[in-house]
PDB file of all heavy atoms in Angstrom:
ATOM      1  N   SER A   1     -12.275   0.854  11.256  1.00  0.00           N
ATOM      2  CA  SER A   1     -12.169   2.300  11.492  1.00  0.00           C
ATOM      3  C   SER A   1     -12.127   3.127  10.213  1.00  0.00           C
ATOM      4  O   SER A   1     -12.324   4.331  10.250  1.00  0.00           O
ATOM      5  CB  SER A   1     -10.919   2.600  12.330  1.00  0.00           C
ATOM      6  OG  SER A   1      -9.758   2.228  11.612  1.00  0.00           O
ATOM      7  N   TRP A   2     -11.879   2.478   9.079  1.00  0.00           N
ATOM      8  CA  TRP A   2     -11.724   3.227   7.827  1.00  0.00           C
ATOM      9  C   TRP A   2     -12.172   2.346   6.669  1.00  0.00           C
ATOM     10  O   TRP A   2     -11.395   1.595   6.117  1.00  0.00           O
ATOM     11  CB  TRP A   2     -10.259   3.635   7.688  1.00  0.00           C
ATOM     12  CG  TRP A   2      -9.910   4.443   6.481  1.00  0.00           C
ATOM     13  CD1 TRP A   2     -10.692   5.344   5.830  1.00  0.00           C
ATOM     14  CD2 TRP A   2      -8.669   4.418   5.775  1.00  0.00           C
ATOM     15  NE1 TRP A   2     -10.023   5.879   4.773  1.00  0.00           N
ATOM     16  CE2 TRP A   2      -8.766   5.331   4.720  1.00  0.00           C
ATOM     17  CE3 TRP A   2      -7.484   3.706   5.941  1.00  0.00           C
ATOM     18  CZ2 TRP A   2      -7.728   5.562   3.835  1.00  0.00           C
ATOM     19  CZ3 TRP A   2      -6.456   3.938   5.058  1.00  0.00           C
ATOM     20  CH2 TRP A   2      -6.573   4.868   4.017  1.00  0.00           C
ATOM     21  N   LYS A   3     -13.441   2.418   6.328  1.00  0.00           N
ATOM     22  CA  LYS A   3     -14.003   1.607   5.255  1.00  0.00           C
ATOM     23  C   LYS A   3     -13.513   2.114   3.900  1.00  0.00           C
ATOM     24  O   LYS A   3     -13.536   3.310   3.628  1.00  0.00           O
ATOM     25  CB  LYS A   3     -15.530   1.650   5.270  1.00  0.00           C
ATOM     26  CG  LYS A   3     -16.150   1.071   6.516  1.00  0.00           C
ATOM     27  CD  LYS A   3     -16.118  -0.433   6.476  1.00  0.00           C
ATOM     28  CE  LYS A   3     -16.856  -0.994   7.674  1.00  0.00           C
ATOM     29  NZ  LYS A   3     -16.473  -2.331   7.981  1.00  0.00           N
ATOM     30  N   ALA A   4     -13.083   1.206   3.072  1.00  0.00           N
ATOM     31  CA  ALA A   4     -12.644   1.566   1.724  1.00  0.00           C
ATOM     32  C   ALA A   4     -13.863   1.936   0.885  1.00  0.00           C
ATOM     33  O   ALA A   4     -14.868   1.232   0.887  1.00  0.00           O
ATOM     34  CB  ALA A   4     -11.897   0.409   1.084  1.00  0.00           C
ATOM     35  N   THR A   5     -13.760   3.038   0.185  1.00  0.00           N
ATOM     36  CA  THR A   5     -14.875   3.485  -0.654  1.00  0.00           C
ATOM     37  C   THR A   5     -14.596   3.267  -2.139  1.00  0.00           C
ATOM     38  O   THR A   5     -15.446   3.561  -2.964  1.00  0.00           O
ATOM     39  CB  THR A   5     -15.168   4.978  -0.399  1.00  0.00           C
ATOM     40  OG1 THR A   5     -13.969   5.720  -0.638  1.00  0.00           O
ATOM     41  CG2 THR A   5     -15.648   5.201   1.029  1.00  0.00           C
ATOM     42  N   GLY A   6     -13.420   2.766  -2.448  1.00  0.00           N
ATOM     43  CA  GLY A   6     -13.083   2.501  -3.842  1.00  0.00           C
ATOM     44  C   GLY A   6     -11.905   1.548  -3.929  1.00  0.00           C
ATOM     45  O   GLY A   6     -11.283   1.198  -2.925  1.00  0.00           O
ATOM     46  N   VAL A   7     -11.600   1.150  -5.138  1.00  0.00           N
ATOM     47  CA  VAL A   7     -10.535   0.174  -5.354  1.00  0.00           C
ATOM     48  C   VAL A   7      -9.174   0.729  -4.947  1.00  0.00           C
ATOM     49  O   VAL A   7      -8.380   0.037  -4.300  1.00  0.00           O
ATOM     50  CB  VAL A   7     -10.524  -0.273  -6.839  1.00  0.00           C
ATOM     51  CG1 VAL A   7      -9.332  -1.149  -7.135  1.00  0.00           C
ATOM     52  CG2 VAL A   7     -11.806  -0.996  -7.183  1.00  0.00           C
ATOM     53  N   LEU A   8      -8.891   1.973  -5.296  1.00  0.00           N
ATOM     54  CA  LEU A   8      -7.587   2.562  -4.940  1.00  0.00           C
ATOM     55  C   LEU A   8      -7.405   2.640  -3.429  1.00  0.00           C
ATOM     56  O   LEU A   8      -6.334   2.320  -2.912  1.00  0.00           O
ATOM     57  CB  LEU A   8      -7.415   3.939  -5.578  1.00  0.00           C
ATOM     58  CG  LEU A   8      -7.170   3.942  -7.079  1.00  0.00           C
ATOM     59  CD1 LEU A   8      -7.095   5.378  -7.606  1.00  0.00           C
ATOM     60  CD2 LEU A   8      -5.896   3.196  -7.421  1.00  0.00           C
ATOM     61  N   GLN A   9      -8.432   3.034  -2.735  1.00  0.00           N
ATOM     62  CA  GLN A   9      -8.347   3.094  -1.276  1.00  0.00           C
ATOM     63  C   GLN A   9      -8.173   1.692  -0.689  1.00  0.00           C
ATOM     64  O   GLN A   9      -7.404   1.496   0.252  1.00  0.00           O
ATOM     65  CB  GLN A   9      -9.591   3.769  -0.701  1.00  0.00           C
ATOM     66  CG  GLN A   9      -9.484   4.040   0.783  1.00  0.00           C
ATOM     67  CD  GLN A   9     -10.685   4.801   1.305  1.00  0.00           C
ATOM     68  OE1 GLN A   9     -11.657   5.033   0.607  1.00  0.00           O
ATOM     69  NE2 GLN A   9     -10.618   5.163   2.574  1.00  0.00           N
ATOM     70  N   PHE A  10      -8.861   0.717  -1.245  1.00  0.00           N
ATOM     71  CA  PHE A  10      -8.714  -0.659  -0.784  1.00  0.00           C
ATOM     72  C   PHE A  10      -7.266  -1.129  -0.947  1.00  0.00           C
ATOM     73  O   PHE A  10      -6.674  -1.697  -0.028  1.00  0.00           O
ATOM     74  CB  PHE A  10      -9.660  -1.588  -1.555  1.00  0.00           C
ATOM     75  CG  PHE A  10      -9.383  -3.049  -1.326  1.00  0.00           C
ATOM     76  CD1 PHE A  10      -9.758  -3.662  -0.139  1.00  0.00           C
ATOM     77  CD2 PHE A  10      -8.729  -3.801  -2.294  1.00  0.00           C
ATOM     78  CE1 PHE A  10      -9.491  -5.007   0.080  1.00  0.00           C
ATOM     79  CE2 PHE A  10      -8.455  -5.146  -2.079  1.00  0.00           C
ATOM     80  CZ  PHE A  10      -8.838  -5.746  -0.892  1.00  0.00           C
ATOM     81  N   PHE A  11      -6.680  -0.892  -2.126  1.00  0.00           N
ATOM     82  CA  PHE A  11      -5.301  -1.323  -2.349  1.00  0.00           C
ATOM     83  C   PHE A  11      -4.324  -0.554  -1.459  1.00  0.00           C
ATOM     84  O   PHE A  11      -3.317  -1.108  -1.017  1.00  0.00           O
ATOM     85  CB  PHE A  11      -4.917  -1.223  -3.823  1.00  0.00           C
ATOM     86  CG  PHE A  11      -5.479  -2.347  -4.640  1.00  0.00           C
ATOM     87  CD1 PHE A  11      -6.405  -2.108  -5.637  1.00  0.00           C
ATOM     88  CD2 PHE A  11      -5.106  -3.663  -4.395  1.00  0.00           C
ATOM     89  CE1 PHE A  11      -6.931  -3.147  -6.381  1.00  0.00           C
ATOM     90  CE2 PHE A  11      -5.624  -4.713  -5.125  1.00  0.00           C
ATOM     91  CZ  PHE A  11      -6.545  -4.449  -6.123  1.00  0.00           C
ATOM     92  N   PHE A  12      -4.627   0.685  -1.165  1.00  0.00           N
ATOM     93  CA  PHE A  12      -3.793   1.441  -0.227  1.00  0.00           C
ATOM     94  C   PHE A  12      -3.873   0.809   1.164  1.00  0.00           C
ATOM     95  O   PHE A  12      -2.852   0.666   1.851  1.00  0.00           O
ATOM     96  CB  PHE A  12      -4.203   2.915  -0.184  1.00  0.00           C
ATOM     97  CG  PHE A  12      -3.387   3.716   0.782  1.00  0.00           C
ATOM     98  CD1 PHE A  12      -2.067   4.040   0.489  1.00  0.00           C
ATOM     99  CD2 PHE A  12      -3.921   4.130   1.992  1.00  0.00           C
ATOM    100  CE1 PHE A  12      -1.295   4.764   1.389  1.00  0.00           C
ATOM    101  CE2 PHE A  12      -3.160   4.848   2.897  1.00  0.00           C
ATOM    102  CZ  PHE A  12      -1.837   5.170   2.595  1.00  0.00           C
ATOM    103  N   GLN A  13      -5.070   0.408   1.571  1.00  0.00           N
ATOM    104  CA  GLN A  13      -5.225  -0.252   2.864  1.00  0.00           C
ATOM    105  C   GLN A  13      -4.445  -1.561   2.907  1.00  0.00           C
ATOM    106  O   GLN A  13      -3.811  -1.873   3.920  1.00  0.00           O
ATOM    107  CB  GLN A  13      -6.704  -0.511   3.162  1.00  0.00           C
ATOM    108  CG  GLN A  13      -7.474   0.740   3.511  1.00  0.00           C
ATOM    109  CD  GLN A  13      -8.947   0.457   3.718  1.00  0.00           C
ATOM    110  OE1 GLN A  13      -9.509  -0.463   3.126  1.00  0.00           O
ATOM    111  NE2 GLN A  13      -9.578   1.248   4.567  1.00  0.00           N
ATOM    112  N   VAL A  14      -4.485  -2.317   1.830  1.00  0.00           N
ATOM    113  CA  VAL A  14      -3.711  -3.554   1.771  1.00  0.00           C
ATOM    114  C   VAL A  14      -2.231  -3.238   1.921  1.00  0.00           C
ATOM    115  O   VAL A  14      -1.504  -3.899   2.673  1.00  0.00           O
ATOM    116  CB  VAL A  14      -3.989  -4.326   0.455  1.00  0.00           C
ATOM    117  CG1 VAL A  14      -3.022  -5.478   0.283  1.00  0.00           C
ATOM    118  CG2 VAL A  14      -5.436  -4.818   0.432  1.00  0.00           C
ATOM    119  N   LEU A  15      -1.771  -2.216   1.227  1.00  0.00           N
ATOM    120  CA  LEU A  15      -0.364  -1.801   1.315  1.00  0.00           C
ATOM    121  C   LEU A  15       0.013  -1.427   2.748  1.00  0.00           C
ATOM    122  O   LEU A  15       1.089  -1.785   3.226  1.00  0.00           O
ATOM    123  CB  LEU A  15      -0.109  -0.623   0.364  1.00  0.00           C
ATOM    124  CG  LEU A  15       1.312  -0.144   0.228  1.00  0.00           C
ATOM    125  CD1 LEU A  15       2.184  -1.229  -0.396  1.00  0.00           C
ATOM    126  CD2 LEU A  15       1.369   1.109  -0.618  1.00  0.00           C
ATOM    127  N   VAL A  16      -0.881  -0.760   3.453  1.00  0.00           N
ATOM    128  CA  VAL A  16      -0.631  -0.350   4.836  1.00  0.00           C
ATOM    129  C   VAL A  16      -0.536  -1.559   5.768  1.00  0.00           C
ATOM    130  O   VAL A  16       0.216  -1.548   6.738  1.00  0.00           O
ATOM    131  CB  VAL A  16      -1.736   0.638   5.306  1.00  0.00           C
ATOM    132  CG1 VAL A  16      -1.701   0.858   6.804  1.00  0.00           C
ATOM    133  CG2 VAL A  16      -1.617   1.952   4.563  1.00  0.00           C
ATOM    134  N   THR A  17      -1.281  -2.621   5.472  1.00  0.00           N
ATOM    135  CA  THR A  17      -1.289  -3.794   6.348  1.00  0.00           C
ATOM    136  C   THR A  17      -0.134  -4.760   6.081  1.00  0.00           C
ATOM    137  O   THR A  17       0.163  -5.604   6.931  1.00  0.00           O
ATOM    138  CB  THR A  17      -2.611  -4.573   6.218  1.00  0.00           C
ATOM    139  OG1 THR A  17      -2.752  -5.015   4.870  1.00  0.00           O
ATOM    140  CG2 THR A  17      -3.798  -3.727   6.624  1.00  0.00           C
ATOM    141  N   LEU A  18       0.516  -4.651   4.933  1.00  0.00           N
ATOM    142  CA  LEU A  18       1.571  -5.606   4.587  1.00  0.00           C
ATOM    143  C   LEU A  18       2.735  -5.646   5.586  1.00  0.00           C
ATOM    144  O   LEU A  18       3.265  -6.728   5.840  1.00  0.00           O
ATOM    145  CB  LEU A  18       2.078  -5.353   3.170  1.00  0.00           C
ATOM    146  CG  LEU A  18       1.105  -5.786   2.070  1.00  0.00           C
ATOM    147  CD1 LEU A  18       1.691  -5.477   0.699  1.00  0.00           C
ATOM    148  CD2 LEU A  18       0.740  -7.245   2.184  1.00  0.00           C
ATOM    149  N   PRO A  19       3.160  -4.524   6.162  1.00  0.00           N
ATOM    150  CA  PRO A  19       4.230  -4.628   7.173  1.00  0.00           C
ATOM    151  C   PRO A  19       3.856  -5.551   8.339  1.00  0.00           C
ATOM    152  O   PRO A  19       4.717  -6.256   8.872  1.00  0.00           O
ATOM    153  CB  PRO A  19       4.446  -3.195   7.636  1.00  0.00           C
ATOM    154  CG  PRO A  19       4.038  -2.362   6.458  1.00  0.00           C
ATOM    155  CD  PRO A  19       2.875  -3.114   5.839  1.00  0.00           C
ATOM    156  N   ALA A  20       2.585  -5.588   8.719  1.00  0.00           N
ATOM    157  CA  ALA A  20       2.155  -6.494   9.796  1.00  0.00           C
ATOM    158  C   ALA A  20       2.308  -7.946   9.352  1.00  0.00           C
ATOM    159  O   ALA A  20       2.703  -8.811  10.143  1.00  0.00           O
ATOM    160  CB  ALA A  20       0.716  -6.196  10.200  1.00  0.00           C
ATOM    161  N   ALA A  21       2.013  -8.235   8.087  1.00  0.00           N
ATOM    162  CA  ALA A  21       2.192  -9.595   7.563  1.00  0.00           C
ATOM    163  C   ALA A  21       3.673  -9.960   7.554  1.00  0.00           C
ATOM    164  O   ALA A  21       4.053 -11.071   7.943  1.00  0.00           O
ATOM    165  CB  ALA A  21       1.607  -9.705   6.157  1.00  0.00           C
ATOM    166  N   LEU A  22       4.512  -9.027   7.125  1.00  0.00           N
ATOM    167  CA  LEU A  22       5.956  -9.292   7.104  1.00  0.00           C
ATOM    168  C   LEU A  22       6.503  -9.495   8.510  1.00  0.00           C
ATOM    169  O   LEU A  22       7.318 -10.392   8.740  1.00  0.00           O
ATOM    170  CB  LEU A  22       6.691  -8.149   6.410  1.00  0.00           C
ATOM    171  CG  LEU A  22       6.476  -8.041   4.905  1.00  0.00           C
ATOM    172  CD1 LEU A  22       7.111  -6.760   4.358  1.00  0.00           C
ATOM    173  CD2 LEU A  22       7.030  -9.256   4.198  1.00  0.00           C
ATOM    174  N   LEU A  23       6.058  -8.676   9.451  1.00  0.00           N
ATOM    175  CA  LEU A  23       6.498  -8.819  10.839  1.00  0.00           C
ATOM    176  C   LEU A  23       6.094 -10.181  11.404  1.00  0.00           C
ATOM    177  O   LEU A  23       6.902 -10.871  12.028  1.00  0.00           O
ATOM    178  CB  LEU A  23       5.915  -7.697  11.699  1.00  0.00           C
ATOM    179  CG  LEU A  23       6.232  -7.759  13.182  1.00  0.00           C
ATOM    180  CD1 LEU A  23       7.724  -7.541  13.418  1.00  0.00           C
ATOM    181  CD2 LEU A  23       5.422  -6.736  13.948  1.00  0.00           C
ATOM    182  N   GLY A  24       4.851 -10.592  11.181  1.00  0.00           N
ATOM    183  CA  GLY A  24       4.397 -11.889  11.664  1.00  0.00           C
ATOM    184  C   GLY A  24       5.153 -13.039  11.018  1.00  0.00           C
ATOM    185  O   GLY A  24       5.540 -13.997  11.686  1.00  0.00           O
ATOM    186  N   ALA A  25       5.365 -12.927   9.708  1.00  0.00           N
ATOM    187  CA  ALA A  25       6.106 -13.974   9.002  1.00  0.00           C
ATOM    188  C   ALA A  25       7.529 -14.074   9.536  1.00  0.00           C
ATOM    189  O   ALA A  25       8.054 -15.170   9.737  1.00  0.00           O
ATOM    190  CB  ALA A  25       6.121 -13.696   7.500  1.00  0.00           C
ATOM    191  N   TRP A  26       8.156 -12.936   9.793  1.00  0.00           N
ATOM    192  CA  TRP A  26       9.526 -12.919  10.297  1.00  0.00           C
ATOM    193  C   TRP A  26       9.607 -13.469  11.722  1.00  0.00           C
ATOM    194  O   TRP A  26      10.416 -14.344  12.019  1.00  0.00           O
ATOM    195  CB  TRP A  26      10.089 -11.504  10.252  1.00  0.00           C
ATOM    196  CG  TRP A  26      11.483 -11.395  10.767  1.00  0.00           C
ATOM    197  CD1 TRP A  26      11.879 -11.021  12.012  1.00  0.00           C
ATOM    198  CD2 TRP A  26      12.679 -11.714  10.046  1.00  0.00           C
ATOM    199  NE1 TRP A  26      13.241 -11.068  12.111  1.00  0.00           N
ATOM    200  CE2 TRP A  26      13.761 -11.487  10.911  1.00  0.00           C
ATOM    201  CE3 TRP A  26      12.939 -12.154   8.757  1.00  0.00           C
ATOM    202  CZ2 TRP A  26      15.078 -11.697  10.533  1.00  0.00           C
ATOM    203  CZ3 TRP A  26      14.255 -12.350   8.372  1.00  0.00           C
ATOM    204  CH2 TRP A  26      15.306 -12.125   9.259  1.00  0.00           C
ATOM    205  N   ALA A  27       8.756 -12.949  12.603  1.00  0.00           N
ATOM    206  CA  ALA A  27       8.853 -13.274  14.028  1.00  0.00           C
ATOM    207  C   ALA A  27       8.296 -14.652  14.380  1.00  0.00           C
ATOM    208  O   ALA A  27       8.830 -15.315  15.270  1.00  0.00           O
ATOM    209  CB  ALA A  27       8.131 -12.202  14.848  1.00  0.00           C
ATOM    210  N   ILE A  28       7.256 -15.092  13.685  1.00  0.00           N
ATOM    211  CA  ILE A  28       6.585 -16.335  14.054  1.00  0.00           C
ATOM    212  C   ILE A  28       6.736 -17.406  12.976  1.00  0.00           C
ATOM    213  O   ILE A  28       6.936 -18.579  13.279  1.00  0.00           O
ATOM    214  CB  ILE A  28       5.082 -16.079  14.325  1.00  0.00           C
ATOM    215  CG1 ILE A  28       4.913 -15.060  15.457  1.00  0.00           C
ATOM    216  CG2 ILE A  28       4.349 -17.376  14.660  1.00  0.00           C
ATOM    217  CD1 ILE A  28       3.507 -14.512  15.599  1.00  0.00           C
ATOM    218  N   GLY A  29       6.634 -17.004  11.732  1.00  0.00           N
ATOM    219  CA  GLY A  29       6.633 -17.957  10.634  1.00  0.00           C
ATOM    220  C   GLY A  29       7.976 -18.592  10.344  1.00  0.00           C
ATOM    221  O   GLY A  29       8.042 -19.713   9.857  1.00  0.00           O
ATOM    222  N   LEU A  30       9.053 -17.864  10.637  1.00  0.00           N
ATOM    223  CA  LEU A  30      10.390 -18.391  10.371  1.00  0.00           C
ATOM    224  C   LEU A  30      11.042 -18.876  11.656  1.00  0.00           C
ATOM    225  O   LEU A  30      10.869 -18.271  12.711  1.00  0.00           O
ATOM    226  CB  LEU A  30      11.273 -17.307   9.738  1.00  0.00           C
ATOM    227  CG  LEU A  30      10.818 -16.755   8.391  1.00  0.00           C
ATOM    228  CD1 LEU A  30      11.723 -15.602   7.959  1.00  0.00           C
ATOM    229  CD2 LEU A  30      10.807 -17.849   7.338  1.00  0.00           C
ATOM    230  N   SER A  31      11.806 -19.931  11.544  1.00  0.00           N
ATOM    231  CA  SER A  31      12.559 -20.428  12.698  1.00  0.00           C
ATOM    232  C   SER A  31      13.780 -19.536  12.903  1.00  0.00           C
ATOM    233  O   SER A  31      14.176 -18.792  11.995  1.00  0.00           O
ATOM    234  CB  SER A  31      13.007 -21.862  12.453  1.00  0.00           C
ATOM    235  OG  SER A  31      13.986 -21.897  11.429  1.00  0.00           O
ATOM    236  N   PRO A  32      14.410 -19.581  14.080  1.00  0.00           N
ATOM    237  CA  PRO A  32      15.629 -18.785  14.290  1.00  0.00           C
ATOM    238  C   PRO A  32      16.705 -19.075  13.246  1.00  0.00           C
ATOM    239  O   PRO A  32      17.369 -18.151  12.774  1.00  0.00           O
ATOM    240  CB  PRO A  32      16.079 -19.195  15.700  1.00  0.00           C
ATOM    241  CG  PRO A  32      14.807 -19.589  16.391  1.00  0.00           C
ATOM    242  CD  PRO A  32      13.976 -20.239  15.317  1.00  0.00           C
ATOM    243  N   SER A  33      16.868 -20.328  12.859  1.00  0.00           N
ATOM    244  CA  SER A  33      17.892 -20.643  11.853  1.00  0.00           C
ATOM    245  C   SER A  33      17.522 -20.072  10.486  1.00  0.00           C
ATOM    246  O   SER A  33      18.404 -19.634   9.737  1.00  0.00           O
ATOM    247  CB  SER A  33      18.123 -22.148  11.764  1.00  0.00           C
ATOM    248  OG  SER A  33      16.951 -22.805  11.360  1.00  0.00           O
ATOM    249  N   GLU A  34      16.240 -20.044  10.149  1.00  0.00           N
ATOM    250  CA  GLU A  34      15.815 -19.451   8.876  1.00  0.00           C
ATOM    251  C   GLU A  34      16.033 -17.942   8.883  1.00  0.00           C
ATOM    252  O   GLU A  34      16.487 -17.367   7.885  1.00  0.00           O
ATOM    253  CB  GLU A  34      14.345 -19.768   8.606  1.00  0.00           C
ATOM    254  CG  GLU A  34      14.094 -21.231   8.291  1.00  0.00           C
ATOM    255  CD  GLU A  34      12.626 -21.614   8.319  1.00  0.00           C
ATOM    256  OE1 GLU A  34      11.835 -20.998   9.069  1.00  0.00           O
ATOM    257  OE2 GLU A  34      12.279 -22.561   7.583  1.00  0.00           O
ATOM    258  N   ARG A  35      15.740 -17.288  10.025  1.00  0.00           N
ATOM    259  CA  ARG A  35      15.998 -15.842  10.123  1.00  0.00           C
ATOM    260  C   ARG A  35      17.489 -15.542  10.002  1.00  0.00           C
ATOM    261  O   ARG A  35      17.894 -14.595   9.326  1.00  0.00           O
ATOM    262  CB  ARG A  35      15.432 -15.294  11.439  1.00  0.00           C
ATOM    263  CG  ARG A  35      13.926 -15.207  11.457  1.00  0.00           C
ATOM    264  CD  ARG A  35      13.403 -14.396  12.638  1.00  0.00           C
ATOM    265  NE  ARG A  35      13.717 -15.001  13.920  1.00  0.00           N
ATOM    266  CZ  ARG A  35      12.948 -15.875  14.550  1.00  0.00           C
ATOM    267  NH1 ARG A  35      11.814 -16.265  14.018  1.00  0.00           N
ATOM    268  NH2 ARG A  35      13.313 -16.372  15.720  1.00  0.00           N
ATOM    269  N   GLN A  36      18.311 -16.370  10.631  1.00  0.00           N
ATOM    270  CA  GLN A  36      19.761 -16.187  10.553  1.00  0.00           C
ATOM    271  C   GLN A  36      20.257 -16.366   9.122  1.00  0.00           C
ATOM    272  O   GLN A  36      21.101 -15.599   8.654  1.00  0.00           O
ATOM    273  CB  GLN A  36      20.485 -17.155  11.486  1.00  0.00           C
ATOM    274  CG  GLN A  36      21.986 -16.986  11.516  1.00  0.00           C
ATOM    275  CD  GLN A  36      22.406 -15.560  11.890  1.00  0.00           C
ATOM    276  OE1 GLN A  36      21.818 -14.927  12.767  1.00  0.00           O
ATOM    277  NE2 GLN A  36      23.403 -15.041  11.210  1.00  0.00           N
ATOM    278  N   LEU A  37      19.747 -17.345   8.424  1.00  0.00           N
ATOM    279  CA  LEU A  37      20.125 -17.570   7.034  1.00  0.00           C
ATOM    280  C   LEU A  37      19.772 -16.357   6.175  1.00  0.00           C
ATOM    281  O   LEU A  37      20.579 -15.910   5.354  1.00  0.00           O
ATOM    282  CB  LEU A  37      19.441 -18.824   6.481  1.00  0.00           C
ATOM    283  CG  LEU A  37      19.698 -19.150   5.013  1.00  0.00           C
ATOM    284  CD1 LEU A  37      21.174 -19.474   4.797  1.00  0.00           C
ATOM    285  CD2 LEU A  37      18.817 -20.301   4.577  1.00  0.00           C
ATOM    286  N   ILE A  38      18.587 -15.812   6.366  1.00  0.00           N
ATOM    287  CA  ILE A  38      18.171 -14.629   5.602  1.00  0.00           C
ATOM    288  C   ILE A  38      19.067 -13.445   5.941  1.00  0.00           C
ATOM    289  O   ILE A  38      19.514 -12.718   5.046  1.00  0.00           O
ATOM    290  CB  ILE A  38      16.687 -14.304   5.864  1.00  0.00           C
ATOM    291  CG1 ILE A  38      15.812 -15.392   5.241  1.00  0.00           C
ATOM    292  CG2 ILE A  38      16.324 -12.923   5.304  1.00  0.00           C
ATOM    293  CD1 ILE A  38      14.362 -15.324   5.628  1.00  0.00           C
ATOM    294  N   ARG A  39      19.346 -13.236   7.231  1.00  0.00           N
ATOM    295  CA  ARG A  39      20.246 -12.138   7.625  1.00  0.00           C
ATOM    296  C   ARG A  39      21.608 -12.290   6.953  1.00  0.00           C
ATOM    297  O   ARG A  39      22.163 -11.317   6.445  1.00  0.00           O
ATOM    298  CB  ARG A  39      20.427 -12.122   9.146  1.00  0.00           C
ATOM    299  CG  ARG A  39      19.320 -11.469   9.895  1.00  0.00           C
ATOM    300  CD  ARG A  39      19.734 -11.285  11.378  1.00  0.00           C
ATOM    301  NE  ARG A  39      18.566 -11.260  12.195  1.00  0.00           N
ATOM    302  CZ  ARG A  39      18.122 -12.266  12.957  1.00  0.00           C
ATOM    303  NH1 ARG A  39      18.785 -13.396  13.038  1.00  0.00           N
ATOM    304  NH2 ARG A  39      17.027 -12.138  13.661  1.00  0.00           N
ATOM    305  N   SER A  40      22.150 -13.498   6.946  1.00  0.00           N
ATOM    306  CA  SER A  40      23.471 -13.703   6.353  1.00  0.00           C
ATOM    307  C   SER A  40      23.430 -13.488   4.841  1.00  0.00           C
ATOM    308  O   SER A  40      24.364 -12.933   4.273  1.00  0.00           O
ATOM    309  CB  SER A  40      24.008 -15.097   6.677  1.00  0.00           C
ATOM    310  OG  SER A  40      23.257 -16.090   6.018  1.00  0.00           O
TER     311      SER A  40
END
């Protein structure tokens, strides 16, 4: 939906997508005990 036209825009797009990577890593990539350890 939004093609990057330059390097700065590309890096901004990467920055925008990082929360999705963090959410996936937290919810799926870590076990419940690993999430609990991080919370503590």
